Amino acid sequence: MFKDRKKKMEFLADYLELPKDLMLDLPRITLLGNLQLIIENHRGIIEYTKERIRISTSLGELLIDGEGLVLRNIFPDEIAVDGKITSLKLVE
C-alpha cells in the first residue's frame, strides 16, 4: 500500500508540476565540486567528526567521508558541509 501512495503522490506532483522532493519528502542533495555539500529536507545529524558526518534523511542515512569536514550552516531544513569531500553514500 505504501508504494501505491508513493506512486499517487508522484503522479500528483507531475500533474500539478510541483517539485517531487517536497511532495515525496525527499532530500535535496547538492554537491559543489568536492568542497561543499548542501542537504535540504534532512531529519537531523547522527554523527559529526572531521572525517565523517552522518545525516538522517527520509531515504536512510547519508554518510559523508572526507578531510577537515565542518558544518557551516545548520538550519531545521538545511545543512551545509564544507571541507574536502571524498565520498557520499546513502544507506537505507
PDB file of N, CA and C in Angstrom:
ATOM      1  N   MET A   1       0.818  -1.194   0.000  1.00  0.00           N
ATOM      2  CA  MET A   1       0.000   0.000   0.000  1.00  0.00           C
ATOM      3  C   MET A   1       0.860   1.254   0.000  1.00  0.00           C
ATOM      4  N   PHE A   2       2.010   1.210   0.708  1.00  0.00           N
ATOM      5  CA  PHE A   2       2.879   2.386   0.742  1.00  0.00           C
ATOM      6  C   PHE A   2       3.357   2.760  -0.654  1.00  0.00           C
ATOM      7  N   LYS A   3       3.678   1.742  -1.465  1.00  0.00           N
ATOM      8  CA  LYS A   3       4.138   2.021  -2.821  1.00  0.00           C
ATOM      9  C   LYS A   3       3.031   2.646  -3.649  1.00  0.00           C
ATOM     10  N   ASP A   4       1.770   2.231  -3.424  1.00  0.00           N
ATOM     11  CA  ASP A   4       0.643   2.830  -4.134  1.00  0.00           C
ATOM     12  C   ASP A   4       0.510   4.305  -3.779  1.00  0.00           C
ATOM     13  N   ARG A   5       0.667   4.626  -2.502  1.00  0.00           N
ATOM     14  CA  ARG A   5       0.583   6.023  -2.061  1.00  0.00           C
ATOM     15  C   ARG A   5       1.714   6.832  -2.679  1.00  0.00           C
ATOM     16  N   LYS A   6       2.890   6.236  -2.698  1.00  0.00           N
ATOM     17  CA  LYS A   6       4.044   6.919  -3.273  1.00  0.00           C
ATOM     18  C   LYS A   6       3.815   7.194  -4.759  1.00  0.00           C
ATOM     19  N   LYS A   7       3.279   6.213  -5.467  1.00  0.00           N
ATOM     20  CA  LYS A   7       3.005   6.397  -6.895  1.00  0.00           C
ATOM     21  C   LYS A   7       1.950   7.472  -7.119  1.00  0.00           C
ATOM     22  N   LYS A   8       0.931   7.497  -6.257  1.00  0.00           N
ATOM     23  CA  LYS A   8      -0.107   8.526  -6.364  1.00  0.00           C
ATOM     24  C   LYS A   8       0.472   9.917  -6.135  1.00  0.00           C
ATOM     25  N   MET A   9       1.327  10.048  -5.124  1.00  0.00           N
ATOM     26  CA  MET A   9       1.941  11.349  -4.838  1.00  0.00           C
ATOM     27  C   MET A   9       2.868  11.771  -5.978  1.00  0.00           C
ATOM     28  N   GLU A  10       3.589  10.820  -6.553  1.00  0.00           N
ATOM     29  CA  GLU A  10       4.473  11.123  -7.683  1.00  0.00           C
ATOM     30  C   GLU A  10       3.655  11.579  -8.893  1.00  0.00           C
ATOM     31  N   PHE A  11       2.538  10.901  -9.156  1.00  0.00           N
ATOM     32  CA  PHE A  11       1.661  11.297 -10.256  1.00  0.00           C
ATOM     33  C   PHE A  11       1.104  12.696 -10.009  1.00  0.00           C
ATOM     34  N   LEU A  12       0.674  12.959  -8.781  1.00  0.00           N
ATOM     35  CA  LEU A  12       0.128  14.271  -8.434  1.00  0.00           C
ATOM     36  C   LEU A  12       1.179  15.365  -8.598  1.00  0.00           C
ATOM     37  N   ALA A  13       2.403  15.099  -8.178  1.00  0.00           N
ATOM     38  CA  ALA A  13       3.484  16.076  -8.337  1.00  0.00           C
ATOM     39  C   ALA A  13       3.734  16.367  -9.814  1.00  0.00           C
ATOM     40  N   ASP A  14       3.736  15.323 -10.640  1.00  0.00           N
ATOM     41  CA  ASP A  14       3.915  15.516 -12.082  1.00  0.00           C
ATOM     42  C   ASP A  14       2.749  16.299 -12.677  1.00  0.00           C
ATOM     43  N   TYR A  15       1.537  15.924 -12.297  1.00  0.00           N
ATOM     44  CA  TYR A  15       0.340  16.548 -12.849  1.00  0.00           C
ATOM     45  C   TYR A  15       0.256  18.030 -12.486  1.00  0.00           C
ATOM     46  N   LEU A  16       0.566  18.349 -11.237  1.00  0.00           N
ATOM     47  CA  LEU A  16       0.499  19.734 -10.773  1.00  0.00           C
ATOM     48  C   LEU A  16       1.797  20.506 -11.000  1.00  0.00           C
ATOM     49  N   GLU A  17       2.793  19.818 -11.568  1.00  0.00           N
ATOM     50  CA  GLU A  17       4.100  20.414 -11.828  1.00  0.00           C
ATOM     51  C   GLU A  17       4.728  20.998 -10.563  1.00  0.00           C
ATOM     52  N   LEU A  18       4.663  20.191  -9.488  1.00  0.00           N
ATOM     53  CA  LEU A  18       5.257  20.563  -8.216  1.00  0.00           C
ATOM     54  C   LEU A  18       6.556  19.796  -8.024  1.00  0.00           C
ATOM     55  N   PRO A  19       7.502  20.350  -7.255  1.00  0.00           N
ATOM     56  CA  PRO A  19       8.760  19.636  -7.009  1.00  0.00           C
ATOM     57  C   PRO A  19       8.531  18.309  -6.284  1.00  0.00           C
ATOM     58  N   LYS A  20       9.112  17.236  -6.808  1.00  0.00           N
ATOM     59  CA  LYS A  20       8.932  15.913  -6.209  1.00  0.00           C
ATOM     60  C   LYS A  20       9.563  15.821  -4.827  1.00  0.00           C
ATOM     61  N   ASP A  21      10.655  16.554  -4.603  1.00  0.00           N
ATOM     62  CA  ASP A  21      11.297  16.475  -3.296  1.00  0.00           C
ATOM     63  C   ASP A  21      10.358  16.970  -2.196  1.00  0.00           C
ATOM     64  N   LEU A  22       9.506  17.931  -2.486  1.00  0.00           N
ATOM     65  CA  LEU A  22       8.566  18.413  -1.482  1.00  0.00           C
ATOM     66  C   LEU A  22       7.379  17.465  -1.322  1.00  0.00           C
ATOM     67  N   MET A  23       6.846  16.996  -2.422  1.00  0.00           N
ATOM     68  CA  MET A  23       5.665  16.138  -2.375  1.00  0.00           C
ATOM     69  C   MET A  23       5.969  14.758  -1.791  1.00  0.00           C
ATOM     70  N   LEU A  24       7.155  14.239  -2.041  1.00  0.00           N
ATOM     71  CA  LEU A  24       7.506  12.887  -1.609  1.00  0.00           C
ATOM     72  C   LEU A  24       8.412  12.871  -0.387  1.00  0.00           C
ATOM     73  N   ASP A  25       8.657  14.037   0.221  1.00  0.00           N
ATOM     74  CA  ASP A  25       9.523  14.155   1.397  1.00  0.00           C
ATOM     75  C   ASP A  25      10.919  13.593   1.121  1.00  0.00           C
ATOM     76  N   LEU A  26      11.480  13.962  -0.023  1.00  0.00           N
ATOM     77  CA  LEU A  26      12.811  13.504  -0.411  1.00  0.00           C
ATOM     78  C   LEU A  26      13.855  14.560  -0.082  1.00  0.00           C
ATOM     79  N   PRO A  27      15.068  14.139   0.275  1.00  0.00           N
ATOM     80  CA  PRO A  27      16.126  15.115   0.495  1.00  0.00           C
ATOM     81  C   PRO A  27      16.634  15.671  -0.836  1.00  0.00           C
ATOM     82  N   ARG A  28      17.046  16.916  -0.830  1.00  0.00           N
ATOM     83  CA  ARG A  28      17.696  17.522  -1.995  1.00  0.00           C
ATOM     84  C   ARG A  28      19.167  17.672  -1.621  1.00  0.00           C
ATOM     85  N   ILE A  29      20.028  17.006  -2.382  1.00  0.00           N
ATOM     86  CA  ILE A  29      21.462  16.982  -2.083  1.00  0.00           C
ATOM     87  C   ILE A  29      22.191  17.674  -3.222  1.00  0.00           C
ATOM     88  N   THR A  30      22.928  18.735  -2.893  1.00  0.00           N
ATOM     89  CA  THR A  30      23.664  19.496  -3.889  1.00  0.00           C
ATOM     90  C   THR A  30      25.148  19.444  -3.547  1.00  0.00           C
ATOM     91  N   LEU A  31      25.961  18.929  -4.468  1.00  0.00           N
ATOM     92  CA  LEU A  31      27.403  18.831  -4.281  1.00  0.00           C
ATOM     93  C   LEU A  31      28.074  19.841  -5.190  1.00  0.00           C
ATOM     94  N   LEU A  32      28.873  20.726  -4.615  1.00  0.00           N
ATOM     95  CA  LEU A  32      29.612  21.728  -5.369  1.00  0.00           C
ATOM     96  C   LEU A  32      31.080  21.314  -5.407  1.00  0.00           C
ATOM     97  N   GLY A  33      31.459  20.681  -6.538  1.00  0.00           N
ATOM     98  CA  GLY A  33      32.813  20.134  -6.638  1.00  0.00           C
ATOM     99  C   GLY A  33      32.993  19.080  -5.567  1.00  0.00           C
ATOM    100  N   ASN A  34      34.149  19.110  -4.906  1.00  0.00           N
ATOM    101  CA  ASN A  34      34.343  18.232  -3.752  1.00  0.00           C
ATOM    102  C   ASN A  34      34.583  19.048  -2.487  1.00  0.00           C
ATOM    103  N   LEU A  35      34.140  20.328  -2.532  1.00  0.00           N
ATOM    104  CA  LEU A  35      34.417  21.243  -1.422  1.00  0.00           C
ATOM    105  C   LEU A  35      33.207  21.619  -0.584  1.00  0.00           C
ATOM    106  N   GLN A  36      32.002  21.458  -1.119  1.00  0.00           N
ATOM    107  CA  GLN A  36      30.814  21.859  -0.357  1.00  0.00           C
ATOM    108  C   GLN A  36      29.627  20.962  -0.699  1.00  0.00           C
ATOM    109  N   LEU A  37      28.843  20.649   0.319  1.00  0.00           N
ATOM    110  CA  LEU A  37      27.658  19.822   0.165  1.00  0.00           C
ATOM    111  C   LEU A  37      26.514  20.503   0.908  1.00  0.00           C
ATOM    112  N   ILE A  38      25.362  20.598   0.251  1.00  0.00           N
ATOM    113  CA  ILE A  38      24.179  21.185   0.870  1.00  0.00           C
ATOM    114  C   ILE A  38      23.077  20.130   0.863  1.00  0.00           C
ATOM    115  N   ILE A  39      22.516  19.856   2.042  1.00  0.00           N
ATOM    116  CA  ILE A  39      21.449  18.872   2.180  1.00  0.00           C
ATOM    117  C   ILE A  39      20.210  19.607   2.674  1.00  0.00           C
ATOM    118  N   GLU A  40      19.155  19.577   1.873  1.00  0.00           N
ATOM    119  CA  GLU A  40      17.885  20.169   2.270  1.00  0.00           C
ATOM    120  C   GLU A  40      16.908  19.051   2.608  1.00  0.00           C
ATOM    121  N   ASN A  41      15.959  19.347   3.464  1.00  0.00           N
ATOM    122  CA  ASN A  41      14.924  18.406   3.865  1.00  0.00           C
ATOM    123  C   ASN A  41      15.521  17.190   4.582  1.00  0.00           C
ATOM    124  N   HIS A  42      16.378  17.442   5.550  1.00  0.00           N
ATOM    125  CA  HIS A  42      17.018  16.381   6.339  1.00  0.00           C
ATOM    126  C   HIS A  42      16.214  16.126   7.613  1.00  0.00           C
ATOM    127  N   ARG A  43      16.639  15.116   8.352  1.00  0.00           N
ATOM    128  CA  ARG A  43      15.963  14.772   9.607  1.00  0.00           C
ATOM    129  C   ARG A  43      16.889  14.840  10.812  1.00  0.00           C
ATOM    130  N   GLY A  44      18.081  15.386  10.641  1.00  0.00           N
ATOM    131  CA  GLY A  44      18.970  15.568  11.779  1.00  0.00           C
ATOM    132  C   GLY A  44      20.340  14.953  11.579  1.00  0.00           C
ATOM    133  N   ILE A  45      21.247  15.350  12.456  1.00  0.00           N
ATOM    134  CA  ILE A  45      22.634  14.886  12.422  1.00  0.00           C
ATOM    135  C   ILE A  45      22.775  13.712  13.387  1.00  0.00           C
ATOM    136  N   ILE A  46      23.373  12.627  12.908  1.00  0.00           N
ATOM    137  CA  ILE A  46      23.573  11.434  13.725  1.00  0.00           C
ATOM    138  C   ILE A  46      24.990  11.411  14.301  1.00  0.00           C
ATOM    139  N   GLU A  47      25.971  11.731  13.469  1.00  0.00           N
ATOM    140  CA  GLU A  47      27.382  11.696  13.883  1.00  0.00           C
ATOM    141  C   GLU A  47      28.118  12.830  13.196  1.00  0.00           C
ATOM    142  N   TYR A  48      29.064  13.430  13.928  1.00  0.00           N
ATOM    143  CA  TYR A  48      29.842  14.525  13.340  1.00  0.00           C
ATOM    144  C   TYR A  48      31.286  14.479  13.834  1.00  0.00           C
ATOM    145  N   THR A  49      32.210  14.201  12.921  1.00  0.00           N
ATOM    146  CA  THR A  49      33.639  14.315  13.190  1.00  0.00           C
ATOM    147  C   THR A  49      34.260  15.033  11.998  1.00  0.00           C
ATOM    148  N   LYS A  50      35.546  15.319  12.072  1.00  0.00           N
ATOM    149  CA  LYS A  50      36.227  15.991  10.955  1.00  0.00           C
ATOM    150  C   LYS A  50      36.406  15.070   9.749  1.00  0.00           C
ATOM    151  N   GLU A  51      36.260  13.752   9.956  1.00  0.00           N
ATOM    152  CA  GLU A  51      36.428  12.785   8.871  1.00  0.00           C
ATOM    153  C   GLU A  51      35.108  12.171   8.386  1.00  0.00           C
ATOM    154  N   ARG A  52      34.044  12.239   9.188  1.00  0.00           N
ATOM    155  CA  ARG A  52      32.771  11.620   8.803  1.00  0.00           C
ATOM    156  C   ARG A  52      31.600  12.386   9.414  1.00  0.00           C
ATOM    157  N   ILE A  53      30.570  12.555   8.579  1.00  0.00           N
ATOM    158  CA  ILE A  53      29.306  13.122   9.048  1.00  0.00           C
ATOM    159  C   ILE A  53      28.198  12.183   8.594  1.00  0.00           C
ATOM    160  N   ARG A  54      27.298  11.837   9.510  1.00  0.00           N
ATOM    161  CA  ARG A  54      26.135  11.002   9.191  1.00  0.00           C
ATOM    162  C   ARG A  54      24.892  11.837   9.422  1.00  0.00           C
ATOM    163  N   ILE A  55      24.039  11.905   8.390  1.00  0.00           N
ATOM    164  CA  ILE A  55      22.834  12.712   8.451  1.00  0.00           C
ATOM    165  C   ILE A  55      21.637  11.819   8.139  1.00  0.00           C
ATOM    166  N   SER A  56      20.587  11.941   8.934  1.00  0.00           N
ATOM    167  CA  SER A  56      19.372  11.168   8.721  1.00  0.00           C
ATOM    168  C   SER A  56      18.505  11.855   7.666  1.00  0.00           C
ATOM    169  N   THR A  57      17.973  11.061   6.736  1.00  0.00           N
ATOM    170  CA  THR A  57      17.051  11.558   5.720  1.00  0.00           C
ATOM    171  C   THR A  57      15.868  10.600   5.631  1.00  0.00           C
ATOM    172  N   SER A  58      14.874  10.961   4.853  1.00  0.00           N
ATOM    173  CA  SER A  58      13.708  10.088   4.685  1.00  0.00           C
ATOM    174  C   SER A  58      14.062   8.804   3.939  1.00  0.00           C
ATOM    175  N   LEU A  59      15.173   8.785   3.222  1.00  0.00           N
ATOM    176  CA  LEU A  59      15.604   7.602   2.479  1.00  0.00           C
ATOM    177  C   LEU A  59      16.562   6.719   3.268  1.00  0.00           C
ATOM    178  N   GLY A  60      17.050   7.187   4.392  1.00  0.00           N
ATOM    179  CA  GLY A  60      18.029   6.461   5.191  1.00  0.00           C
ATOM    180  C   GLY A  60      19.106   7.420   5.677  1.00  0.00           C
ATOM    181  N   GLU A  61      20.305   6.889   5.912  1.00  0.00           N
ATOM    182  CA  GLU A  61      21.420   7.708   6.385  1.00  0.00           C
ATOM    183  C   GLU A  61      22.309   8.121   5.222  1.00  0.00           C
ATOM    184  N   LEU A  62      22.696   9.385   5.215  1.00  0.00           N
ATOM    185  CA  LEU A  62      23.658   9.892   4.247  1.00  0.00           C
ATOM    186  C   LEU A  62      25.009   9.943   4.949  1.00  0.00           C
ATOM    187  N   LEU A  63      25.982   9.160   4.441  1.00  0.00           N
ATOM    188  CA  LEU A  63      27.331   9.129   5.006  1.00  0.00           C
ATOM    189  C   LEU A  63      28.240  10.005   4.160  1.00  0.00           C
ATOM    190  N   ILE A  64      28.891  10.952   4.801  1.00  0.00           N
ATOM    191  CA  ILE A  64      29.809  11.860   4.119  1.00  0.00           C
ATOM    192  C   ILE A  64      31.185  11.632   4.719  1.00  0.00           C
ATOM    193  N   ASP A  65      32.130  11.191   3.904  1.00  0.00           N
ATOM    194  CA  ASP A  65      33.507  10.997   4.350  1.00  0.00           C
ATOM    195  C   ASP A  65      34.386  12.039   3.691  1.00  0.00           C
ATOM    196  N   GLY A  66      35.434  12.454   4.406  1.00  0.00           N
ATOM    197  CA  GLY A  66      36.345  13.441   3.849  1.00  0.00           C
ATOM    198  C   GLY A  66      37.397  13.866   4.842  1.00  0.00           C
ATOM    199  N   GLU A  67      37.978  15.030   4.578  1.00  0.00           N
ATOM    200  CA  GLU A  67      39.034  15.583   5.426  1.00  0.00           C
ATOM    201  C   GLU A  67      38.658  17.003   5.798  1.00  0.00           C
ATOM    202  N   GLY A  68      38.814  17.343   7.063  1.00  0.00           N
ATOM    203  CA  GLY A  68      38.537  18.692   7.527  1.00  0.00           C
ATOM    204  C   GLY A  68      37.081  19.108   7.350  1.00  0.00           C
ATOM    205  N   LEU A  69      36.159  18.172   7.557  1.00  0.00           N
ATOM    206  CA  LEU A  69      34.745  18.471   7.366  1.00  0.00           C
ATOM    207  C   LEU A  69      34.233  19.388   8.480  1.00  0.00           C
ATOM    208  N   VAL A  70      33.482  20.392   8.077  1.00  0.00           N
ATOM    209  CA  VAL A  70      32.937  21.375   9.013  1.00  0.00           C
ATOM    210  C   VAL A  70      31.483  21.631   8.647  1.00  0.00           C
ATOM    211  N   LEU A  71      30.619  21.674   9.652  1.00  0.00           N
ATOM    212  CA  LEU A  71      29.232  22.048   9.419  1.00  0.00           C
ATOM    213  C   LEU A  71      29.165  23.576   9.391  1.00  0.00           C
ATOM    214  N   ARG A  72      28.919  24.115   8.209  1.00  0.00           N
ATOM    215  CA  ARG A  72      28.905  25.574   8.054  1.00  0.00           C
ATOM    216  C   ARG A  72      27.571  26.151   8.494  1.00  0.00           C
ATOM    217  N   ASN A  73      26.485  25.568   8.034  1.00  0.00           N
ATOM    218  CA  ASN A  73      25.141  26.015   8.402  1.00  0.00           C
ATOM    219  C   ASN A  73      24.341  24.831   8.901  1.00  0.00           C
ATOM    220  N   ILE A  74      23.593  25.049   9.961  1.00  0.00           N
ATOM    221  CA  ILE A  74      22.666  24.037  10.452  1.00  0.00           C
ATOM    222  C   ILE A  74      21.340  24.750  10.699  1.00  0.00           C
ATOM    223  N   PHE A  75      20.385  24.464   9.837  1.00  0.00           N
ATOM    224  CA  PHE A  75      19.044  25.013   9.972  1.00  0.00           C
ATOM    225  C   PHE A  75      18.069  23.846  10.030  1.00  0.00           C
ATOM    226  N   PRO A  76      16.843  24.067  10.477  1.00  0.00           N
ATOM    227  CA  PRO A  76      15.872  22.966  10.528  1.00  0.00           C
ATOM    228  C   PRO A  76      15.628  22.296   9.177  1.00  0.00           C
ATOM    229  N   ASP A  77      15.825  23.023   8.078  1.00  0.00           N
ATOM    230  CA  ASP A  77      15.554  22.439   6.762  1.00  0.00           C
ATOM    231  C   ASP A  77      16.791  22.320   5.882  1.00  0.00           C
ATOM    232  N   GLU A  78      17.965  22.753   6.358  1.00  0.00           N
ATOM    233  CA  GLU A  78      19.165  22.741   5.516  1.00  0.00           C
ATOM    234  C   GLU A  78      20.436  22.609   6.354  1.00  0.00           C
ATOM    235  N   ILE A  79      21.370  21.813   5.826  1.00  0.00           N
ATOM    236  CA  ILE A  79      22.708  21.684   6.418  1.00  0.00           C
ATOM    237  C   ILE A  79      23.720  21.896   5.304  1.00  0.00           C
ATOM    238  N   ALA A  80      24.756  22.688   5.578  1.00  0.00           N
ATOM    239  CA  ALA A  80      25.843  22.882   4.623  1.00  0.00           C
ATOM    240  C   ALA A  80      27.131  22.338   5.233  1.00  0.00           C
ATOM    241  N   VAL A  81      27.849  21.536   4.451  1.00  0.00           N
ATOM    242  CA  VAL A  81      29.099  20.920   4.890  1.00  0.00           C
ATOM    243  C   VAL A  81      30.222  21.441   4.011  1.00  0.00           C
ATOM    244  N   ASP A  82      31.296  21.932   4.632  1.00  0.00           N
ATOM    245  CA  ASP A  82      32.492  22.370   3.917  1.00  0.00           C
ATOM    246  C   ASP A  82      33.646  21.441   4.257  1.00  0.00           C
ATOM    247  N   GLY A  83      34.612  21.366   3.365  1.00  0.00           N
ATOM    248  CA  GLY A  83      35.791  20.530   3.560  1.00  0.00           C
ATOM    249  C   GLY A  83      36.042  19.712   2.305  1.00  0.00           C
ATOM    250  N   LYS A  84      37.064  18.887   2.357  1.00  0.00           N
ATOM    251  CA  LYS A  84      37.376  18.027   1.204  1.00  0.00           C
ATOM    252  C   LYS A  84      36.529  16.760   1.307  1.00  0.00           C
ATOM    253  N   ILE A  85      35.528  16.654   0.448  1.00  0.00           N
ATOM    254  CA  ILE A  85      34.603  15.527   0.461  1.00  0.00           C
ATOM    255  C   ILE A  85      35.147  14.438  -0.458  1.00  0.00           C
ATOM    256  N   THR A  86      35.365  13.245   0.121  1.00  0.00           N
ATOM    257  CA  THR A  86      35.924  12.152  -0.677  1.00  0.00           C
ATOM    258  C   THR A  86      34.882  11.124  -1.077  1.00  0.00           C
ATOM    259  N   SER A  87      33.789  11.005  -0.289  1.00  0.00           N
ATOM    260  CA  SER A  87      32.736  10.044  -0.697  1.00  0.00           C
ATOM    261  C   SER A  87      31.407  10.393  -0.052  1.00  0.00           C
ATOM    262  N   LEU A  88      30.344  10.028  -0.782  1.00  0.00           N
ATOM    263  CA  LEU A  88      28.969  10.125  -0.299  1.00  0.00           C
ATOM    264  C   LEU A  88      28.341   8.761  -0.447  1.00  0.00           C
ATOM    265  N   LYS A  89      27.568   8.355   0.555  1.00  0.00           N
ATOM    266  CA  LYS A  89      26.918   7.062   0.473  1.00  0.00           C
ATOM    267  C   LYS A  89      25.567   7.157   1.153  1.00  0.00           C
ATOM    268  N   LEU A  90      24.547   6.615   0.492  1.00  0.00           N
ATOM    269  CA  LEU A  90      23.209   6.568   1.072  1.00  0.00           C
ATOM    270  C   LEU A  90      22.938   5.144   1.530  1.00  0.00           C
ATOM    271  N   VAL A  91      22.709   4.970   2.830  1.00  0.00           N
ATOM    272  CA  VAL A  91      22.454   3.656   3.418  1.00  0.00           C
ATOM    273  C   VAL A  91      21.001   3.600   3.828  1.00  0.00           C
ATOM    274  N   GLU A  92      20.260   2.668   3.225  1.00  0.00           N
ATOM    275  CA  GLU A  92      18.820   2.545   3.541  1.00  0.00           C
ATOM    276  C   GLU A  92      18.599   1.761   4.798  1.00  0.00           C
TER     277      GLU A  92
END
